[in-house]
Amino acid sequence: MNISNRIIRLRKQKGWSQEELAEKLDVSRQSVSKWESSASVPDLTRILQMSELFGVTTDYLLKGDGESLSAGSAEIKINSYIEEEKSSMLCDEQVKSFLSDTAHFAYMIAFGVVLCILSPALLIGLAGCVAEEGQGGLSETAFVIIGLLALMIMVAVAVKIFIGNSVYMNRYNYIKNGEFALNDSQTEDIEKMFSEFEPIFGKGISLGVGLCILSPMPLIITAVMEMSDPIVVLMVPVLLIIIAIAVNKFVKLGLIREGYMKLLKQEEFEPANRKKAELEERVGGIYWPVVVAIYLAWSFIGDAWSRSWLIFPIAGLIFAALVNALKKA
């Protein structure tokens, strides 16, 4: 347990809110919030004040030890601790590089997901175009081979994107694990950028949800108008394109938002929630490959490309419920 967790625990033992503790220390609530999220480090004066307020030794507050310290040795140890924390401070260039690489990572992963969603589109479209054997100088088998080849190439490119970009972002694992600190100026700048991004995130997610709701409309319209089967089949790629645009929004905006939360140590990246976030990540690492395997098996074996896309929104709702259950556990 680090100092941020001890401040949280001791504050809650006293029954104080962050505002109440801030008032007693004559600091802002934001300062207390930053200490508790490990975004910044309390100075010597505040550590001594908290030691008196909580009725614990400075040694316990800093390291969790129960031994008492003399005033001189306490000051030496506090200063040593603060210097140690400063050594993990991110420089402005590190913050800038992380945000830039996170944005690029988000765009690439979103593009890879779009490739996966659209991978069967050509196969389905060609199937809709085939009215009889040999149309257009090619047999139905040839159309299927072309469609499958396109599908495999798109999936292969997507997998390469996922692996390559994920490996590249491993260099920032120390940020993901919260092994850093920010100065007040950096925190304020990131909070400002995050607040400016939030409306963009909200509008993008709303647009994506709307597109998901409207995505079956091409199929519904063609079915109601009793159009020919080839036309109905051709509407499936249109549906996939709409779904791909929506999912692209979800993935891209979600990953960018996650980058801000990592730096600010908010929500699942708060020290207290980190273990649950790691569990969620492990569960997701198993869950989504299984979902994709079911999707491909149903689509190929059952020839259900026009319906199998439903697996993803349903799986998303189930995963969201599972994540909420893990957070409450």
Protein backbone atom coordinates (compact mmCIF):
# COMPACT_ATOMS: atom_id res chain seq x y z
CA MET A 1 0.00 0.00 0.00
CA ASN A 2 1.44 3.41 -0.97
CA ILE A 3 0.92 6.82 0.59
CA SER A 4 -2.11 7.60 -1.59
CA ASN A 5 -3.93 4.48 -0.38
CA ARG A 6 -3.02 5.22 3.24
CA ILE A 7 -4.41 8.76 2.95
CA ILE A 8 -7.66 7.35 1.54
CA ARG A 9 -7.94 4.73 4.28
CA LEU A 10 -7.10 7.10 7.12
CA ARG A 11 -9.48 9.76 5.79
CA LYS A 12 -12.33 7.26 5.56
CA GLN A 13 -11.58 5.98 9.06
CA LYS A 14 -12.13 9.52 10.29
CA GLY A 15 -15.32 9.73 8.26
CA TRP A 16 -14.11 12.80 6.38
CA SER A 17 -14.80 13.68 2.77
CA GLN A 18 -12.06 15.02 0.51
CA GLU A 19 -13.52 18.50 1.01
CA GLU A 20 -13.35 18.18 4.80
CA LEU A 21 -9.74 16.97 4.77
CA ALA A 22 -8.82 19.76 2.34
CA GLU A 23 -10.37 22.34 4.67
CA LYS A 24 -8.42 21.04 7.66
CA LEU A 25 -5.17 21.18 5.66
CA ASP A 26 -6.00 24.54 4.08
CA VAL A 27 -5.66 23.18 0.55
CA SER A 28 -8.10 22.65 -2.33
CA ARG A 29 -10.16 19.50 -2.75
CA GLN A 30 -8.37 18.95 -6.07
CA SER A 31 -5.06 18.74 -4.20
CA VAL A 32 -6.40 15.99 -1.95
CA SER A 33 -7.83 14.20 -4.99
CA LYS A 34 -4.44 14.32 -6.72
CA TRP A 35 -2.68 12.92 -3.63
CA GLU A 36 -5.17 10.07 -3.41
CA SER A 37 -4.85 9.21 -7.09
CA SER A 38 -1.02 9.40 -6.92
CA ALA A 39 -1.13 12.22 -9.48
CA SER A 40 0.95 14.43 -7.18
CA VAL A 41 2.88 14.19 -3.91
CA PRO A 42 2.04 16.05 -0.67
CA ASP A 43 4.83 18.32 0.49
CA LEU A 44 6.67 18.18 3.82
CA THR A 45 4.27 20.55 5.61
CA ARG A 46 1.15 18.65 4.53
CA ILE A 47 2.63 15.28 5.50
CA LEU A 48 3.39 16.58 8.99
CA GLN A 49 -0.11 18.06 9.24
CA MET A 50 -1.75 14.79 8.17
CA SER A 51 0.39 12.88 10.64
CA GLU A 52 -1.08 15.00 13.45
CA LEU A 53 -4.64 14.94 12.08
CA PHE A 54 -4.74 11.17 11.63
CA GLY A 55 -2.80 10.42 14.83
CA VAL A 56 -0.12 8.34 13.10
CA THR A 57 3.61 8.68 12.70
CA THR A 58 5.06 10.17 9.56
CA ASP A 59 6.90 6.89 9.07
CA TYR A 60 3.60 5.04 8.94
CA LEU A 61 2.11 7.60 6.57
CA LEU A 62 5.08 7.35 4.21
CA LYS A 63 6.04 3.69 4.39
CA GLY A 64 3.39 1.94 6.45
CA ASP A 65 5.82 1.28 9.29
CA GLY A 66 4.77 1.73 12.89
CA GLU A 67 7.98 3.10 14.34
CA SER A 68 8.15 6.66 15.60
CA LEU A 69 10.67 9.13 14.22
CA SER A 70 12.35 12.14 15.70
CA ALA A 71 11.58 15.48 14.06
CA GLY A 72 14.99 15.58 12.35
CA SER A 73 14.90 12.05 11.01
CA ALA A 74 11.27 12.50 9.96
CA GLU A 75 12.22 15.49 7.86
CA ILE A 76 15.10 13.58 6.27
CA LYS A 77 12.87 10.63 5.48
CA ILE A 78 10.08 12.81 4.09
CA ASN A 79 12.49 14.70 1.88
CA SER A 80 13.99 11.42 0.74
CA TYR A 81 10.53 10.12 -0.11
CA ILE A 82 9.59 13.26 -2.03
CA GLU A 83 12.82 13.10 -4.03
CA GLU A 84 12.08 9.45 -4.81
CA GLU A 85 8.62 10.40 -6.06
CA LYS A 86 10.02 13.23 -8.15
CA SER A 87 12.30 10.76 -9.90
CA SER A 88 9.16 9.08 -11.32
CA MET A 89 7.72 12.38 -12.58
CA LEU A 90 6.93 12.44 -16.29
CA CYS A 91 8.55 15.18 -18.33
CA ASP A 92 6.45 17.21 -20.76
CA GLU A 93 7.91 15.35 -23.72
CA GLN A 94 6.87 11.99 -22.25
CA VAL A 95 3.31 13.22 -21.75
CA LYS A 96 3.18 14.61 -25.29
CA SER A 97 4.60 11.41 -26.81
CA PHE A 98 2.17 9.22 -24.85
CA LEU A 99 -0.88 11.21 -25.94
CA SER A 100 0.31 11.30 -29.56
CA ASP A 101 1.07 7.57 -29.66
CA THR A 102 -2.23 6.76 -27.92
CA ALA A 103 -4.15 8.71 -30.59
CA HIS A 104 -2.27 6.86 -33.36
CA PHE A 105 -2.86 3.54 -31.58
CA ALA A 106 -6.59 4.32 -31.30
CA TYR A 107 -6.89 5.13 -35.01
CA MET A 108 -4.99 2.00 -36.07
CA ILE A 109 -6.87 -0.39 -33.77
CA ALA A 110 -10.19 1.12 -34.88
CA PHE A 111 -9.11 0.62 -38.52
CA GLY A 112 -8.20 -3.01 -37.78
CA VAL A 113 -11.60 -3.63 -36.22
CA VAL A 114 -13.27 -2.10 -39.30
CA LEU A 115 -11.29 -4.48 -41.52
CA CYS A 116 -12.53 -7.45 -39.46
CA ILE A 117 -16.16 -6.30 -39.68
CA LEU A 118 -15.99 -5.61 -43.43
CA SER A 119 -13.95 -8.74 -44.26
CA PRO A 120 -17.00 -10.80 -45.36
CA ALA A 121 -18.61 -7.89 -47.24
CA LEU A 122 -17.12 -8.74 -50.64
CA LEU A 123 -17.95 -12.44 -50.24
CA ILE A 124 -21.57 -11.59 -49.41
CA GLY A 125 -21.79 -8.99 -52.18
CA LEU A 126 -20.50 -11.42 -54.79
CA ALA A 127 -22.97 -14.02 -53.57
CA GLY A 128 -25.75 -11.52 -54.16
CA CYS A 129 -24.48 -10.82 -57.67
CA VAL A 130 -24.43 -14.45 -58.71
CA ALA A 131 -27.79 -15.14 -60.33
CA GLU A 132 -26.69 -18.22 -62.21
CA GLU A 133 -23.60 -20.32 -62.84
CA GLY A 134 -21.03 -18.62 -64.99
CA GLN A 135 -22.40 -15.06 -64.78
CA GLY A 136 -19.85 -12.48 -65.83
CA GLY A 137 -17.57 -15.16 -67.22
CA LEU A 138 -16.80 -16.59 -63.77
CA SER A 139 -18.33 -19.54 -61.99
CA GLU A 140 -19.97 -19.28 -58.59
CA THR A 141 -16.99 -21.16 -57.16
CA ALA A 142 -14.64 -18.51 -58.53
CA PHE A 143 -16.71 -15.77 -56.89
CA VAL A 144 -16.54 -17.62 -53.57
CA ILE A 145 -12.77 -18.05 -53.85
CA ILE A 146 -12.30 -14.32 -54.58
CA GLY A 147 -14.52 -13.40 -51.64
CA LEU A 148 -12.75 -15.76 -49.24
CA LEU A 149 -9.34 -14.53 -50.41
CA ALA A 150 -10.37 -10.93 -49.72
CA LEU A 151 -11.72 -11.95 -46.31
CA MET A 152 -8.50 -13.70 -45.28
CA ILE A 153 -6.30 -10.83 -46.51
CA MET A 154 -8.33 -8.24 -44.56
CA VAL A 155 -8.29 -10.34 -41.38
CA ALA A 156 -4.54 -10.95 -41.75
CA VAL A 157 -3.88 -7.21 -42.15
CA ALA A 158 -6.07 -6.52 -39.11
CA VAL A 159 -4.22 -9.07 -36.97
CA LYS A 160 -0.89 -7.54 -38.01
CA ILE A 161 -2.19 -4.10 -36.99
CA PHE A 162 -3.39 -5.39 -33.61
CA ILE A 163 -0.16 -7.19 -32.75
CA GLY A 164 2.25 -4.56 -34.07
CA ASN A 165 0.56 -1.60 -32.40
CA SER A 166 -0.02 -3.43 -29.12
CA VAL A 167 3.65 -4.40 -28.92
CA TYR A 168 4.65 -0.79 -29.65
CA MET A 169 2.42 0.52 -26.84
CA ASN A 170 4.03 -1.87 -24.34
CA ARG A 171 6.69 0.81 -23.86
CA TYR A 172 4.07 2.74 -21.89
CA ASN A 173 3.23 -0.07 -19.45
CA TYR A 174 4.65 2.04 -16.61
CA ILE A 175 1.93 4.61 -17.30
CA LYS A 176 -0.75 1.93 -17.51
CA ASN A 177 0.46 0.53 -14.17
CA GLY A 178 0.48 3.99 -12.56
CA GLU A 179 4.23 4.01 -11.93
CA PHE A 180 4.59 7.75 -12.49
CA ALA A 181 3.61 11.16 -11.16
CA LEU A 182 2.68 14.50 -12.73
CA ASN A 183 3.35 18.02 -11.59
CA ASP A 184 0.45 20.42 -11.04
CA SER A 185 0.96 22.21 -14.35
CA GLN A 186 0.89 18.96 -16.33
CA THR A 187 -2.21 17.79 -14.48
CA GLU A 188 -4.04 21.03 -15.21
CA ASP A 189 -3.11 20.88 -18.91
CA ILE A 190 -4.25 17.26 -19.23
CA GLU A 191 -7.49 17.95 -17.35
CA LYS A 192 -8.19 20.85 -19.72
CA MET A 193 -7.57 18.67 -22.80
CA PHE A 194 -9.71 15.92 -21.31
CA SER A 195 -12.60 18.31 -20.60
CA GLU A 196 -12.40 19.55 -24.22
CA PHE A 197 -12.42 15.97 -25.49
CA GLU A 198 -15.42 14.80 -23.44
CA PRO A 199 -18.07 16.54 -25.62
CA ILE A 200 -16.44 15.02 -28.72
CA PHE A 201 -16.54 11.62 -27.04
CA GLY A 202 -20.20 12.01 -26.09
CA LYS A 203 -21.28 13.08 -29.58
CA GLY A 204 -19.26 10.29 -31.20
CA ILE A 205 -20.73 7.59 -28.96
CA SER A 206 -24.25 8.94 -29.53
CA LEU A 207 -23.69 8.84 -33.30
CA GLY A 208 -22.36 5.29 -33.07
CA VAL A 209 -25.36 4.11 -31.05
CA GLY A 210 -27.70 5.76 -33.54
CA LEU A 211 -25.97 4.04 -36.46
CA CYS A 212 -26.22 0.66 -34.71
CA ILE A 213 -29.94 1.16 -34.21
CA LEU A 214 -30.44 2.17 -37.86
CA SER A 215 -28.13 -0.48 -39.34
CA PRO A 216 -30.85 -3.13 -39.99
CA MET A 217 -32.99 -0.61 -41.92
CA PRO A 218 -31.62 -1.54 -45.40
CA LEU A 219 -32.56 -5.18 -44.81
CA ILE A 220 -35.95 -4.27 -43.34
CA ILE A 221 -36.79 -1.94 -46.23
CA THR A 222 -35.85 -4.45 -48.92
CA ALA A 223 -37.79 -7.19 -47.13
CA VAL A 224 -40.92 -5.03 -46.71
CA MET A 225 -40.77 -3.99 -50.37
CA GLU A 226 -40.44 -7.69 -51.30
CA MET A 227 -37.39 -7.11 -53.45
CA SER A 228 -35.54 -10.02 -55.02
CA ASP A 229 -33.22 -12.17 -52.92
CA PRO A 230 -30.02 -10.88 -54.60
CA ILE A 231 -30.98 -7.29 -53.64
CA VAL A 232 -31.69 -8.35 -50.05
CA VAL A 233 -28.31 -10.09 -49.88
CA LEU A 234 -26.57 -6.97 -51.24
CA MET A 235 -28.01 -5.00 -48.33
CA VAL A 236 -25.95 -7.07 -45.88
CA PRO A 237 -22.64 -5.38 -46.92
CA VAL A 238 -24.43 -2.03 -46.51
CA LEU A 239 -25.40 -3.10 -43.00
CA LEU A 240 -21.81 -4.13 -42.27
CA ILE A 241 -20.52 -0.75 -43.48
CA ILE A 242 -22.89 1.08 -41.12
CA ILE A 243 -21.88 -1.16 -38.21
CA ALA A 244 -18.20 -0.66 -39.06
CA ILE A 245 -18.57 3.14 -38.94
CA ALA A 246 -20.27 2.90 -35.55
CA VAL A 247 -17.73 0.49 -34.04
CA ASN A 248 -14.90 2.63 -35.41
CA LYS A 249 -16.28 5.53 -33.34
CA PHE A 250 -16.59 3.38 -30.21
CA VAL A 251 -13.08 1.95 -30.40
CA LYS A 252 -11.22 5.09 -31.48
CA LEU A 253 -12.85 7.49 -29.01
CA GLY A 254 -12.80 4.92 -26.21
CA LEU A 255 -9.05 4.32 -26.53
CA ILE A 256 -8.25 8.04 -26.67
CA ARG A 257 -10.38 8.65 -23.57
CA GLU A 258 -8.62 5.75 -21.86
CA GLY A 259 -5.29 7.45 -22.52
CA TYR A 260 -6.40 10.56 -20.62
CA MET A 261 -7.70 8.44 -17.75
CA LYS A 262 -4.37 6.60 -17.51
CA LEU A 263 -2.50 9.88 -17.09
CA LEU A 264 -5.02 11.28 -14.60
CA LYS A 265 -5.37 7.89 -12.83
CA GLN A 266 -9.14 8.03 -12.97
CA GLU A 267 -11.87 5.36 -12.90
CA GLU A 268 -10.37 1.91 -13.56
CA PHE A 269 -6.86 3.37 -13.44
CA GLU A 270 -7.19 4.64 -9.88
CA PRO A 271 -4.80 2.73 -7.61
CA ALA A 272 -7.71 1.20 -5.71
CA ASN A 273 -9.33 -0.09 -8.93
CA ARG A 274 -6.20 -1.27 -10.72
CA LYS A 275 -6.52 -4.94 -9.71
CA LYS A 276 -10.11 -5.05 -10.96
CA ALA A 277 -9.02 -3.41 -14.22
CA GLU A 278 -6.32 -6.05 -14.68
CA LEU A 279 -8.91 -8.78 -14.05
CA GLU A 280 -11.24 -7.15 -16.59
CA GLU A 281 -8.41 -7.08 -19.14
CA ARG A 282 -7.63 -10.77 -18.59
CA VAL A 283 -11.29 -11.69 -18.93
CA GLY A 284 -11.58 -9.61 -22.10
CA GLY A 285 -8.49 -11.28 -23.53
CA ILE A 286 -10.31 -14.62 -23.34
CA TYR A 287 -13.86 -13.43 -23.96
CA TRP A 288 -13.46 -11.55 -27.26
CA PRO A 289 -11.41 -14.21 -29.11
CA VAL A 290 -14.13 -16.71 -28.16
CA VAL A 291 -16.79 -14.32 -29.50
CA VAL A 292 -14.90 -13.93 -32.79
CA ALA A 293 -14.49 -17.72 -33.07
CA ILE A 294 -18.25 -18.21 -32.56
CA TYR A 295 -18.98 -15.48 -35.11
CA LEU A 296 -16.75 -17.08 -37.78
CA ALA A 297 -17.98 -20.61 -37.04
CA TRP A 298 -21.63 -19.62 -37.27
CA SER A 299 -21.02 -17.52 -40.38
CA PHE A 300 -19.07 -20.17 -42.31
CA ILE A 301 -20.69 -23.39 -41.12
CA GLY A 302 -24.23 -22.05 -40.92
CA ASP A 303 -23.86 -19.70 -43.93
CA ALA A 304 -25.42 -17.03 -41.72
CA TRP A 305 -23.56 -13.89 -42.74
CA SER A 306 -26.82 -11.94 -42.85
CA ARG A 307 -27.52 -12.70 -39.16
CA SER A 308 -24.21 -13.53 -37.49
CA TRP A 309 -23.29 -9.83 -37.08
CA LEU A 310 -25.83 -9.76 -34.23
CA ILE A 311 -23.27 -11.64 -32.13
CA PHE A 312 -21.17 -8.49 -31.64
CA PRO A 313 -23.79 -6.10 -30.18
CA ILE A 314 -25.16 -8.91 -28.00
CA ALA A 315 -21.64 -9.88 -26.87
CA GLY A 316 -20.93 -6.22 -26.13
CA LEU A 317 -23.97 -5.95 -23.85
CA ILE A 318 -23.03 -9.19 -22.07
CA PHE A 319 -19.44 -8.00 -21.62
CA ALA A 320 -20.62 -4.65 -20.22
CA ALA A 321 -22.80 -6.50 -17.69
CA LEU A 322 -19.87 -8.77 -16.82
CA VAL A 323 -17.55 -5.78 -16.30
CA ASN A 324 -20.10 -4.07 -14.04
CA ALA A 325 -20.42 -7.28 -12.01
CA LEU A 326 -16.63 -7.45 -11.62
CA LYS A 327 -16.48 -3.80 -10.49
CA LYS A 328 -19.11 -4.44 -7.81
CA ALA A 329 -17.48 -7.67 -6.63
